[in-house]
């Protein structure tokens, strides 16, 4: 399996976290991958074979070839149908708002095809990126597309950005009431701003970031006791920790450790 991570142009760095590519022959890709919520939206181009998406009852549907995946609030189980060749644009938690044409909350847990989001221009950029011969060419194409759209759209709310930065710095361990006090906004106003700009509530984003921090602990250290993991993540107790873990991964920490963990965090190793 081969993956590469690329930094965005400075004019897009406030909105785009990174680009990455993932390439792998079918026999070297896990049959099923559990994608765990990470608080970000992604634009995805499958220039290799398509992926299946599984539902809770075990049914599957093919994902679009080119789409934006909305904010995830639970695990997303996918499976390659053949050779993997995928180009991703990963946005910051608030980064997709200036580009969207529909409310972010409506995109939750949904793969929205680019033509539905952007019409003919979405179809055109998809065709160009699928036909591109290299990662450098794909990045140049998508940055031209995004910068053109950015010239006609709104900027990010500074309160939302600073609050997201606070959540990230604290690994999601601050309460919504504390975030509300720091922003001098009442809870309802803060929730409304987050729903519009991110597609998640402050509580949902905080839980996601805290779980991601715990997954990174699992990645770099073999799983020890659940009590120790819960303590390091500042969960109320072990039961609370396991409940949140299952909500986002569908598995217990020990069940998740291994290939599930590697696939879910493979793109965070650029830190």
Protein backbone atom coordinates (compact mmCIF):
# COMPACT_ATOMS: atom_id res chain seq x y z
CA UNK A 1 0.00 0.00 0.00
CA UNK A 2 1.41 3.38 -1.02
CA UNK A 3 0.19 6.70 0.36
CA UNK A 4 1.55 10.22 0.00
CA UNK A 5 0.56 13.44 1.72
CA UNK A 6 0.93 16.93 0.20
CA UNK A 7 0.54 20.40 1.68
CA UNK A 8 -1.86 22.90 0.06
CA UNK A 9 -0.95 26.22 -1.54
CA UNK A 10 -0.62 29.01 1.04
CA UNK A 11 -3.74 30.72 -0.35
CA UNK A 12 -5.78 27.63 0.60
CA UNK A 13 -3.98 26.54 3.76
CA UNK A 14 -6.56 28.18 6.05
CA UNK A 15 -9.25 25.92 4.58
CA UNK A 16 -7.50 22.82 3.21
CA UNK A 17 -5.52 20.68 5.64
CA UNK A 18 -3.78 18.52 3.06
CA UNK A 19 -4.06 16.38 -0.05
CA UNK A 20 -3.24 12.73 -0.15
CA UNK A 21 -3.17 9.81 -2.52
CA UNK A 22 -3.69 6.16 -1.72
CA UNK A 23 -2.76 3.42 -4.18
CA UNK A 24 -2.87 -0.31 -3.59
CA UNK A 25 -3.54 -3.53 -5.49
CA UNK A 26 -6.65 -5.31 -4.26
CA UNK A 27 -4.73 -8.18 -2.69
CA UNK A 28 -2.82 -5.78 -0.41
CA UNK A 29 -5.86 -3.78 0.75
CA UNK A 30 -7.93 -4.96 3.74
CA UNK A 31 -11.22 -6.43 2.53
CA UNK A 32 -13.19 -3.99 4.65
CA UNK A 33 -12.01 -0.70 6.15
CA UNK A 34 -13.67 1.12 9.04
CA UNK A 35 -13.44 4.87 8.52
CA UNK A 36 -13.79 6.68 11.85
CA UNK A 37 -15.16 10.25 12.18
CA UNK A 38 -12.38 12.84 12.46
CA UNK A 39 -14.34 16.11 12.32
CA UNK A 40 -13.34 16.95 8.74
CA UNK A 41 -14.99 16.76 5.32
CA UNK A 42 -13.20 15.33 2.31
CA UNK A 43 -13.46 15.61 -1.46
CA UNK A 44 -12.66 12.20 -2.92
CA UNK A 45 -11.76 11.12 -6.45
CA UNK A 46 -11.53 7.39 -7.22
CA UNK A 47 -9.31 7.13 -10.30
CA UNK A 48 -8.88 3.43 -9.53
CA UNK A 49 -11.74 1.02 -8.98
CA UNK A 50 -14.81 2.01 -7.00
CA UNK A 51 -15.49 1.33 -3.32
CA UNK A 52 -18.57 -0.19 -1.71
CA UNK A 53 -20.22 1.36 1.31
CA UNK A 54 -21.93 -0.93 3.83
CA UNK A 55 -25.05 -0.08 5.81
CA UNK A 56 -25.80 -1.15 9.38
CA UNK A 57 -27.87 -4.11 8.16
CA UNK A 58 -25.04 -5.41 5.97
CA UNK A 59 -26.31 -4.19 2.60
CA UNK A 60 -23.86 -2.42 0.30
CA UNK A 61 -23.98 0.28 -2.37
CA UNK A 62 -21.28 1.62 -4.66
CA UNK A 63 -19.89 5.01 -3.68
CA UNK A 64 -19.77 7.64 -6.46
CA UNK A 65 -16.51 7.96 -8.34
CA UNK A 66 -16.09 11.64 -7.33
CA UNK A 67 -17.85 13.09 -4.29
CA UNK A 68 -17.67 15.01 -1.02
CA UNK A 69 -18.28 13.01 2.13
CA UNK A 70 -20.15 14.99 4.77
CA UNK A 71 -19.32 14.98 8.46
CA UNK A 72 -19.44 11.47 9.88
CA UNK A 73 -21.13 10.83 13.22
CA UNK A 74 -20.45 7.09 13.26
CA UNK A 75 -18.23 4.48 11.62
CA UNK A 76 -18.24 4.16 7.83
CA UNK A 77 -17.44 0.67 6.56
CA UNK A 78 -16.12 0.49 3.01
CA UNK A 79 -14.62 -2.17 0.77
CA UNK A 80 -12.55 -1.90 -2.43
CA UNK A 81 -13.95 -3.61 -5.53
CA UNK A 82 -10.53 -3.84 -7.15
CA UNK A 83 -7.35 -1.79 -7.36
CA UNK A 84 -7.28 1.33 -5.18
CA UNK A 85 -6.29 4.65 -6.71
CA UNK A 86 -7.74 7.58 -4.76
CA UNK A 87 -7.03 11.30 -4.49
CA UNK A 88 -8.35 13.11 -1.41
CA UNK A 89 -8.75 16.75 -0.44
CA UNK A 90 -9.01 16.97 3.33
CA UNK A 91 -10.51 20.23 4.63
CA UNK A 92 -10.15 21.73 8.08
CA UNK A 93 -13.31 21.24 10.21
CA UNK A 94 -14.66 24.62 9.02
CA UNK A 95 -12.89 24.54 5.65
CA UNK A 96 -15.57 23.30 3.28
CA UNK A 97 -18.16 25.97 4.13
CA UNK A 98 -16.92 28.56 1.58
CA UNK A 99 -17.28 26.00 -1.23
CA UNK A 100 -20.55 24.28 -0.46
CA UNK A 101 -23.80 24.90 -2.34
CA UNK A 102 -26.04 23.09 0.16
CA UNK A 103 -26.25 23.26 3.99
CA UNK A 104 -23.50 21.21 5.59
CA UNK A 105 -25.94 19.59 8.03
CA UNK A 106 -27.79 18.06 5.06
CA UNK A 107 -24.54 16.34 3.99
CA UNK A 108 -24.05 14.51 7.30
CA UNK A 109 -23.00 10.87 6.76
CA UNK A 110 -23.67 11.31 3.03
CA UNK A 111 -21.52 10.98 -0.09
CA UNK A 112 -22.64 13.87 -2.30
CA UNK A 113 -21.59 13.59 -5.99
CA UNK A 114 -19.68 16.59 -7.33
CA UNK A 115 -22.23 17.23 -10.07
CA UNK A 116 -24.95 17.61 -7.43
CA UNK A 117 -22.81 20.11 -5.52
CA UNK A 118 -21.33 22.09 -8.40
CA UNK A 119 -23.32 21.22 -11.54
CA UNK A 120 -21.40 21.23 -14.82
CA UNK A 121 -18.25 22.59 -13.19
CA UNK A 122 -18.30 19.63 -10.78
CA UNK A 123 -18.56 17.20 -13.69
CA UNK A 124 -15.72 18.99 -15.49
CA UNK A 125 -13.27 18.98 -12.59
CA UNK A 126 -14.04 15.32 -11.90
CA UNK A 127 -13.24 14.36 -15.49
CA UNK A 128 -10.00 16.36 -15.48
CA UNK A 129 -8.73 14.87 -12.22
CA UNK A 130 -9.63 11.32 -13.23
CA UNK A 131 -7.69 11.81 -16.47
CA UNK A 132 -4.65 13.42 -14.79
CA UNK A 133 -1.35 11.57 -15.05
CA UNK A 134 0.19 12.54 -11.69
CA UNK A 135 -0.52 13.79 -8.17
CA UNK A 136 1.08 17.14 -9.02
CA UNK A 137 -1.34 17.58 -11.92
CA UNK A 138 -4.34 16.63 -9.76
CA UNK A 139 -3.31 19.12 -7.08
CA UNK A 140 -2.87 21.90 -9.62
CA UNK A 141 -6.31 21.19 -11.09
CA UNK A 142 -8.15 21.08 -7.77
CA UNK A 143 -6.41 24.20 -6.44
CA UNK A 144 -7.37 26.16 -9.55
CA UNK A 145 -10.96 24.96 -9.08
CA UNK A 146 -11.10 25.81 -5.37
CA UNK A 147 -9.41 29.21 -5.70
CA UNK A 148 -11.83 30.22 -8.44
CA UNK A 149 -14.80 29.33 -6.24
CA UNK A 150 -13.24 30.96 -3.19
CA UNK A 151 -13.12 34.35 -4.91
CA UNK A 152 -16.93 34.51 -4.80
CA UNK A 153 -17.70 33.11 -1.36
CA UNK A 154 -17.81 34.03 2.31
CA UNK A 155 -14.95 33.85 4.77
CA UNK A 156 -14.81 31.74 7.92
CA UNK A 157 -16.37 33.06 11.13
CA UNK A 158 -13.43 33.92 13.41
CA UNK A 159 -15.32 32.71 16.50
CA UNK A 160 -15.87 29.30 14.93
CA UNK A 161 -12.22 29.05 13.87
CA UNK A 162 -10.83 30.07 17.25
CA UNK A 163 -13.22 27.69 19.05
CA UNK A 164 -12.21 24.79 16.79
CA UNK A 165 -8.55 25.61 17.47
CA UNK A 166 -9.30 25.54 21.21
CA UNK A 167 -11.04 22.15 20.90
CA UNK A 168 -8.09 20.73 18.98
CA UNK A 169 -5.54 22.08 21.45
CA UNK A 170 -7.50 20.62 24.36
CA UNK A 171 -7.99 17.26 22.57
CA UNK A 172 -11.75 17.74 22.88
CA UNK A 173 -11.67 17.72 26.67
CA UNK A 174 -13.44 21.05 27.32
CA UNK A 175 -17.16 21.17 28.01
CA UNK A 176 -19.52 23.13 25.77
CA UNK A 177 -20.25 25.42 28.73
CA UNK A 178 -16.53 26.21 29.04
CA UNK A 179 -16.30 26.86 25.29
CA UNK A 180 -19.34 29.11 25.56
CA UNK A 181 -17.71 31.12 28.35
CA UNK A 182 -14.49 31.51 26.38
CA UNK A 183 -16.29 32.77 23.28
CA UNK A 184 -18.72 35.01 25.23
CA UNK A 185 -21.60 33.39 23.33
CA UNK A 186 -24.48 31.54 24.89
CA UNK A 187 -24.67 27.82 24.24
CA UNK A 188 -27.49 28.07 21.70
CA UNK A 189 -25.66 30.68 19.59
CA UNK A 190 -22.47 28.60 19.58
CA UNK A 191 -24.33 25.45 18.54
CA UNK A 192 -26.05 27.35 15.73
CA UNK A 193 -22.74 28.73 14.43
CA UNK A 194 -21.11 25.29 14.49
CA UNK A 195 -24.02 23.60 12.77
CA UNK A 196 -23.85 26.11 9.93
CA UNK A 197 -20.06 26.30 9.55
CA UNK A 198 -19.01 22.73 10.35
CA UNK A 199 -22.07 20.50 10.20
CA UNK A 200 -21.51 19.28 13.77
CA UNK A 201 -22.32 20.68 17.19
CA UNK A 202 -19.46 21.73 19.52
CA UNK A 203 -20.18 18.64 21.62
CA UNK A 204 -20.05 16.30 18.60
CA UNK A 205 -16.78 17.81 17.38
CA UNK A 206 -15.25 17.63 20.86
CA UNK A 207 -16.20 13.97 21.25
CA UNK A 208 -14.74 13.24 17.81
CA UNK A 209 -11.45 15.00 18.55
CA UNK A 210 -11.12 13.30 21.94
CA UNK A 211 -11.69 9.89 20.37
CA UNK A 212 -9.12 10.66 17.65
CA UNK A 213 -6.58 11.53 20.34
CA UNK A 214 -7.29 8.17 22.00
CA UNK A 215 -6.87 6.33 18.68
CA UNK A 216 -3.47 7.95 18.25
CA UNK A 217 -2.49 6.67 21.67
CA UNK A 218 -3.50 3.19 20.48
CA UNK A 219 -1.50 3.66 17.28
CA UNK A 220 1.74 4.50 19.06
CA UNK A 221 1.31 2.19 22.05
CA UNK A 222 0.00 -1.36 22.28
CA UNK A 223 -3.39 -1.42 24.00
CA UNK A 224 -3.01 -1.57 27.75
CA UNK A 225 -5.87 -1.55 30.22
CA UNK A 226 -9.10 0.20 29.26
CA UNK A 227 -8.94 2.02 32.57
CA UNK A 228 -5.58 3.56 31.59
CA UNK A 229 -6.87 4.62 28.17
CA UNK A 230 -10.00 6.13 29.72
CA UNK A 231 -7.86 7.96 32.27
CA UNK A 232 -5.50 9.39 29.65
CA UNK A 233 -8.45 10.54 27.56
CA UNK A 234 -10.04 12.13 30.66
CA UNK A 235 -13.26 10.18 30.25
CA UNK A 236 -15.64 10.14 33.20
CA UNK A 237 -15.18 6.39 33.65
CA UNK A 238 -14.41 3.22 31.70
CA UNK A 239 -18.07 2.64 30.76
CA UNK A 240 -18.32 6.18 29.31
CA UNK A 241 -15.13 5.59 27.33
CA UNK A 242 -16.32 2.29 25.84
CA UNK A 243 -19.72 3.80 24.99
CA UNK A 244 -18.11 6.68 23.04
CA UNK A 245 -15.61 4.33 21.40
CA UNK A 246 -18.37 2.03 20.14
CA UNK A 247 -20.40 5.02 18.91
CA UNK A 248 -17.57 6.15 16.62
CA UNK A 249 -15.99 2.82 15.64
CA UNK A 250 -18.65 0.16 16.12
CA UNK A 251 -16.07 -1.88 18.08
CA UNK A 252 -14.38 -2.08 21.47
CA UNK A 253 -10.82 -0.65 21.74
CA UNK A 254 -9.23 -4.11 21.70
CA UNK A 255 -11.35 -5.22 18.71
CA UNK A 256 -10.40 -2.08 16.83
CA UNK A 257 -6.68 -2.33 17.41
CA UNK A 258 -4.71 -3.57 14.39
CA UNK A 259 -5.60 -3.13 10.73
CA UNK A 260 -8.75 -1.10 11.51
CA UNK A 261 -6.63 1.38 13.44
CA UNK A 262 -3.92 1.60 10.78
CA UNK A 263 -6.40 2.34 8.00
CA UNK A 264 -8.31 4.90 10.05
CA UNK A 265 -5.23 6.90 11.05
CA UNK A 266 -2.96 6.34 8.05
CA UNK A 267 -3.35 9.92 6.87
CA UNK A 268 -2.68 11.55 10.24
CA UNK A 269 0.95 10.39 10.26
CA UNK A 270 2.12 13.54 8.52
CA UNK A 271 2.16 15.33 11.84
